[in-house]
Amino acid sequence: MAAGGLLWPRLILFGDSITQVEKGSFENGGWGAAIANRLVRKCDVLNRGLSGYNTRWALTVMPKIITQPPDQSTIAAVVIFLGANDSALKDVNPVQHIPLTEYAENLKHLIQYLKSIGICEEKVILITPPPLDESAWEKACIAKGNKLDRYNSVTKEYAQACVKVATECGTGVLDLWTLMQIGDFSSYLLDGLHLSEKGSRFLETHLWPMLEKRTENLPMIFPYWRDIDHLNCQASLLL
């Protein structure tokens, strides 16, 4: 029990714009909102998406965002969803581009940092960047006066590196790039890069079983109303 109140378990979603509210997880129909709905009264789901960020910047700010909790059991899981910006082409988008080898090392350092503050690898889930619809994304780039700055073949390399890091470090991993290859994945994407509502549902459907395993033992916070002794509510509510 935290001083002055109850400390709820936390699930942290850490990523870029696909996690952030803008075109991201907490919009109506977003994957983060769906996860939060599943965990109502069991766990706080915190959106820590940072639009446009790559793993280099994420590694710098993570210690400011995820600090050592007063009770390690209060961190139910941490989802790391990065790579869509790292995989930008160096010649076209050098600001966001991160070399493949550094991307992998940055993911490892993010995991190592979490372990250093007591969040074990079993509580960490990496998500690979989704596939890129080059035609749709090129239109989005041109509309902003830019050239196409990503290729799906390059995104695949970053997704594979993400899976390899998860395997080496013992974390969970959701290989979104591979899962979305079945059929026409363009419908999963809003603008060729960010997830559409259908894409968010697809992600949430595949992510939830992994999160369920990490949260299934969390009790409902405060009893269901029918279980409260209305003649002596304190006995039910202030255990």
Protein backbone atom coordinates (compact mmCIF):
# COMPACT_ATOMS: atom_id res chain seq x y z
CA MET A 1 0.00 0.00 0.00
CA ALA A 2 1.47 3.36 -1.05
CA ALA A 3 1.37 6.21 1.47
CA GLY A 4 -2.04 7.81 1.19
CA GLY A 5 -3.47 5.38 -1.34
CA LEU A 6 -3.51 2.07 -3.11
CA LEU A 7 -0.67 1.37 -5.55
CA TRP A 8 -2.16 -0.20 -8.67
CA PRO A 9 -0.09 -2.53 -10.87
CA ARG A 10 1.09 -0.92 -14.10
CA LEU A 11 1.43 -2.00 -17.70
CA ILE A 12 3.63 0.42 -19.64
CA LEU A 13 3.38 0.80 -23.42
CA PHE A 14 6.66 2.36 -24.57
CA GLY A 15 7.09 3.23 -28.23
CA ASP A 16 6.74 5.78 -31.02
CA SER A 17 3.72 7.28 -32.80
CA ILE A 18 2.13 3.86 -33.31
CA THR A 19 1.84 3.81 -29.52
CA GLN A 20 1.23 7.50 -28.94
CA VAL A 21 -2.33 8.86 -29.04
CA GLU A 22 -1.82 10.47 -32.47
CA LYS A 23 -2.68 7.72 -34.98
CA GLY A 24 -1.92 5.37 -32.17
CA SER A 25 -2.99 3.04 -29.46
CA PHE A 26 -5.39 5.14 -27.39
CA GLU A 27 -7.59 6.45 -30.17
CA ASN A 28 -11.08 5.06 -30.60
CA GLY A 29 -10.47 1.50 -31.72
CA GLY A 30 -6.79 1.67 -30.79
CA TRP A 31 -4.89 -1.37 -29.56
CA GLY A 32 -3.81 0.23 -26.29
CA ALA A 33 -7.35 1.29 -25.47
CA ALA A 34 -8.54 -2.28 -26.07
CA ILE A 35 -5.85 -3.65 -23.74
CA ALA A 36 -6.75 -1.08 -21.08
CA ASN A 37 -10.39 -2.10 -21.33
CA ARG A 38 -9.45 -5.74 -20.72
CA LEU A 39 -7.50 -4.78 -17.59
CA VAL A 40 -10.00 -2.43 -15.96
CA ARG A 41 -9.83 -2.70 -12.15
CA LYS A 42 -6.76 -4.94 -12.39
CA CYS A 43 -3.99 -2.81 -13.86
CA ASP A 44 -3.26 0.76 -15.00
CA VAL A 45 -2.24 0.84 -18.67
CA LEU A 46 0.12 3.78 -19.24
CA ASN A 47 0.70 5.18 -22.71
CA ARG A 48 4.30 6.28 -23.09
CA GLY A 49 4.42 6.61 -26.86
CA LEU A 50 6.71 9.31 -28.27
CA SER A 51 5.90 10.23 -31.86
CA GLY A 52 8.88 10.18 -34.20
CA TYR A 53 11.31 8.66 -31.68
CA ASN A 54 13.92 6.06 -32.53
CA THR A 55 15.68 3.69 -30.12
CA ARG A 56 18.60 6.08 -29.55
CA TRP A 57 16.31 8.78 -28.22
CA ALA A 58 14.15 6.22 -26.41
CA LEU A 59 17.21 4.87 -24.60
CA THR A 60 18.04 8.39 -23.42
CA VAL A 61 14.59 9.14 -22.02
CA MET A 62 13.53 5.74 -20.65
CA PRO A 63 15.13 6.35 -17.21
CA LYS A 64 13.00 9.50 -16.95
CA ILE A 65 9.83 7.63 -17.88
CA ILE A 66 10.24 4.27 -16.14
CA THR A 67 11.84 4.66 -12.75
CA GLN A 68 12.48 2.09 -10.07
CA PRO A 69 9.08 1.33 -8.51
CA PRO A 70 8.66 1.28 -4.74
CA ASP A 71 7.29 -2.26 -5.05
CA GLN A 72 8.57 -4.40 -7.95
CA SER A 73 5.30 -6.30 -8.11
CA THR A 74 3.59 -3.10 -9.29
CA ILE A 75 5.08 -3.45 -12.79
CA ALA A 76 2.99 -6.09 -14.53
CA ALA A 77 4.69 -5.75 -17.92
CA VAL A 78 6.51 -3.37 -20.25
CA VAL A 79 5.81 -3.41 -23.99
CA ILE A 80 8.56 -1.93 -26.20
CA PHE A 81 7.34 -1.10 -29.71
CA LEU A 82 10.15 0.63 -31.62
CA GLY A 83 11.80 0.33 -35.02
CA ALA A 84 9.50 2.01 -37.51
CA ASN A 85 11.61 5.18 -37.33
CA ASP A 86 14.99 3.48 -36.89
CA SER A 87 14.44 1.77 -40.24
CA ALA A 88 14.16 5.07 -42.12
CA LEU A 89 16.65 5.32 -44.99
CA LYS A 90 19.87 7.09 -44.01
CA ASP A 91 20.25 8.97 -47.29
CA VAL A 92 16.69 10.31 -47.22
CA ASN A 93 15.92 10.59 -43.51
CA PRO A 94 19.20 10.77 -41.56
CA VAL A 95 17.48 12.41 -38.56
CA GLN A 96 15.46 9.34 -37.57
CA HIS A 97 17.63 6.61 -39.12
CA ILE A 98 19.52 4.31 -36.77
CA PRO A 99 21.94 1.69 -38.19
CA LEU A 100 20.66 -1.86 -37.87
CA THR A 101 23.43 -2.99 -35.52
CA GLU A 102 22.88 0.00 -33.23
CA TYR A 103 19.13 -0.61 -33.25
CA ALA A 104 19.71 -4.14 -31.93
CA GLU A 105 22.16 -2.90 -29.30
CA ASN A 106 19.77 -0.16 -28.21
CA LEU A 107 16.99 -2.71 -27.68
CA LYS A 108 19.38 -4.78 -25.56
CA HIS A 109 20.29 -1.72 -23.50
CA LEU A 110 16.62 -0.90 -22.96
CA ILE A 111 16.08 -4.42 -21.63
CA GLN A 112 19.21 -4.20 -19.49
CA TYR A 113 18.04 -0.92 -17.98
CA LEU A 114 14.68 -2.46 -17.04
CA LYS A 115 16.48 -5.39 -15.44
CA SER A 116 18.70 -2.97 -13.49
CA ILE A 117 15.63 -1.50 -11.79
CA GLY A 118 14.15 -4.90 -11.02
CA ILE A 119 11.89 -5.50 -14.02
CA CYS A 120 12.84 -8.98 -15.21
CA GLU A 121 12.96 -10.01 -18.86
CA GLU A 122 9.85 -12.19 -18.43
CA LYS A 123 7.84 -9.00 -17.94
CA VAL A 124 9.14 -7.42 -21.17
CA ILE A 125 7.54 -7.84 -24.60
CA LEU A 126 9.14 -6.49 -27.78
CA ILE A 127 6.97 -5.75 -30.82
CA THR A 128 8.60 -5.59 -34.24
CA PRO A 129 7.74 -2.73 -36.57
CA PRO A 130 4.81 -3.60 -38.83
CA PRO A 131 5.32 -4.04 -42.58
CA LEU A 132 5.42 -0.91 -44.72
CA ASP A 133 3.02 -0.26 -47.60
CA GLU A 134 5.48 1.66 -49.76
CA SER A 135 2.90 2.98 -52.23
CA ALA A 136 0.68 4.48 -49.54
CA TRP A 137 3.60 5.82 -47.49
CA GLU A 138 5.18 7.41 -50.56
CA LYS A 139 1.95 9.36 -51.11
CA ALA A 140 2.06 10.50 -47.48
CA CYS A 141 5.69 11.57 -47.88
CA ILE A 142 5.04 13.46 -51.13
CA ALA A 143 2.10 15.26 -49.52
CA LYS A 144 4.59 16.66 -47.00
CA GLY A 145 7.10 17.59 -49.70
CA ASN A 146 9.39 14.64 -49.00
CA LYS A 147 10.64 11.56 -50.83
CA LEU A 148 9.84 7.98 -49.89
CA ASP A 149 12.08 7.43 -46.86
CA ARG A 150 11.42 3.76 -46.01
CA TYR A 151 11.38 0.40 -47.77
CA ASN A 152 9.52 -2.66 -46.58
CA SER A 153 12.54 -4.85 -47.30
CA VAL A 154 14.58 -2.73 -44.88
CA THR A 155 11.82 -2.78 -42.27
CA LYS A 156 11.94 -6.58 -42.49
CA GLU A 157 15.62 -6.53 -41.49
CA TYR A 158 14.82 -4.45 -38.40
CA ALA A 159 11.93 -6.75 -37.51
CA GLN A 160 14.25 -9.76 -37.76
CA ALA A 161 16.81 -8.00 -35.56
CA CYS A 162 14.09 -7.32 -32.97
CA VAL A 163 13.11 -10.99 -32.87
CA LYS A 164 16.77 -12.00 -32.52
CA VAL A 165 17.29 -9.61 -29.59
CA ALA A 166 14.21 -10.97 -27.82
CA THR A 167 15.46 -14.54 -28.29
CA GLU A 168 18.93 -13.67 -26.98
CA CYS A 169 17.62 -11.66 -24.01
CA GLY A 170 14.78 -13.97 -23.02
CA THR A 171 11.93 -11.50 -23.45
CA GLY A 172 8.60 -12.04 -25.14
CA VAL A 173 8.28 -10.90 -28.76
CA LEU A 174 5.42 -10.25 -31.13
CA ASP A 175 6.65 -10.47 -34.72
CA LEU A 176 4.09 -8.13 -36.20
CA TRP A 177 5.94 -7.79 -39.50
CA THR A 178 5.69 -11.54 -40.19
CA LEU A 179 2.17 -11.98 -38.83
CA MET A 180 0.80 -9.29 -41.12
CA GLN A 181 2.28 -10.86 -44.26
CA ILE A 182 -0.70 -13.18 -44.58
CA GLY A 183 -2.93 -11.71 -47.27
CA ASP A 184 -2.99 -8.03 -48.21
CA PHE A 185 -1.50 -6.21 -45.24
CA SER A 186 -2.27 -2.75 -46.67
CA SER A 187 -5.67 -2.80 -44.95
CA TYR A 188 -3.88 -3.00 -41.59
CA LEU A 189 -2.23 0.36 -42.26
CA LEU A 190 -3.74 3.83 -42.22
CA ASP A 191 -1.17 5.67 -44.31
CA GLY A 192 1.26 2.90 -45.17
CA LEU A 193 3.08 3.14 -41.82
CA HIS A 194 0.67 3.71 -38.92
CA LEU A 195 -1.96 1.16 -37.99
CA SER A 196 -5.54 1.43 -39.18
CA GLU A 197 -8.37 0.43 -36.84
CA LYS A 198 -8.25 -3.04 -38.42
CA GLY A 199 -4.50 -3.15 -37.84
CA SER A 200 -4.95 -2.14 -34.20
CA ARG A 201 -7.48 -4.93 -33.70
CA PHE A 202 -5.03 -7.35 -35.31
CA LEU A 203 -2.23 -6.25 -32.99
CA GLU A 204 -4.40 -6.35 -29.87
CA THR A 205 -5.69 -9.82 -30.75
CA HIS A 206 -2.16 -11.20 -30.94
CA LEU A 207 -0.71 -9.19 -28.05
CA TRP A 208 -3.41 -9.92 -25.51
CA PRO A 209 -2.61 -13.64 -25.01
CA MET A 210 0.96 -12.65 -24.15
CA LEU A 211 -0.19 -9.98 -21.71
CA GLU A 212 -2.88 -12.22 -20.26
CA LYS A 213 -0.19 -14.65 -19.08
CA ARG A 214 1.56 -11.80 -17.31
CA THR A 215 -1.57 -10.36 -15.68
CA GLU A 216 -3.84 -13.36 -15.09
CA ASN A 217 -2.92 -13.58 -11.40
CA LEU A 218 -3.68 -9.93 -10.70
CA PRO A 219 -6.78 -9.67 -8.51
CA MET A 220 -9.62 -7.27 -9.18
CA ILE A 221 -8.92 -4.10 -7.20
CA PHE A 222 -11.70 -3.74 -4.64
CA PRO A 223 -14.48 -6.33 -4.59
CA TYR A 224 -17.34 -6.64 -7.06
CA TRP A 225 -20.27 -4.64 -5.70
CA ARG A 226 -22.43 -7.71 -5.08
CA ASP A 227 -19.68 -9.09 -2.82
CA ILE A 228 -19.67 -6.06 -0.52
CA ASP A 229 -21.27 -6.53 2.89
CA HIS A 230 -23.63 -3.55 2.87
CA LEU A 231 -24.10 -3.84 6.63
CA ASN A 232 -20.38 -3.61 7.25
CA CYS A 233 -18.77 -2.19 4.15
CA GLN A 234 -15.45 -1.47 5.85
CA ALA A 235 -14.91 -5.17 6.42
CA SER A 236 -15.23 -5.71 2.66
CA LEU A 237 -13.51 -2.61 1.33
CA LEU A 238 -10.65 -1.97 3.74
CA LEU A 239 -8.98 -5.36 3.90
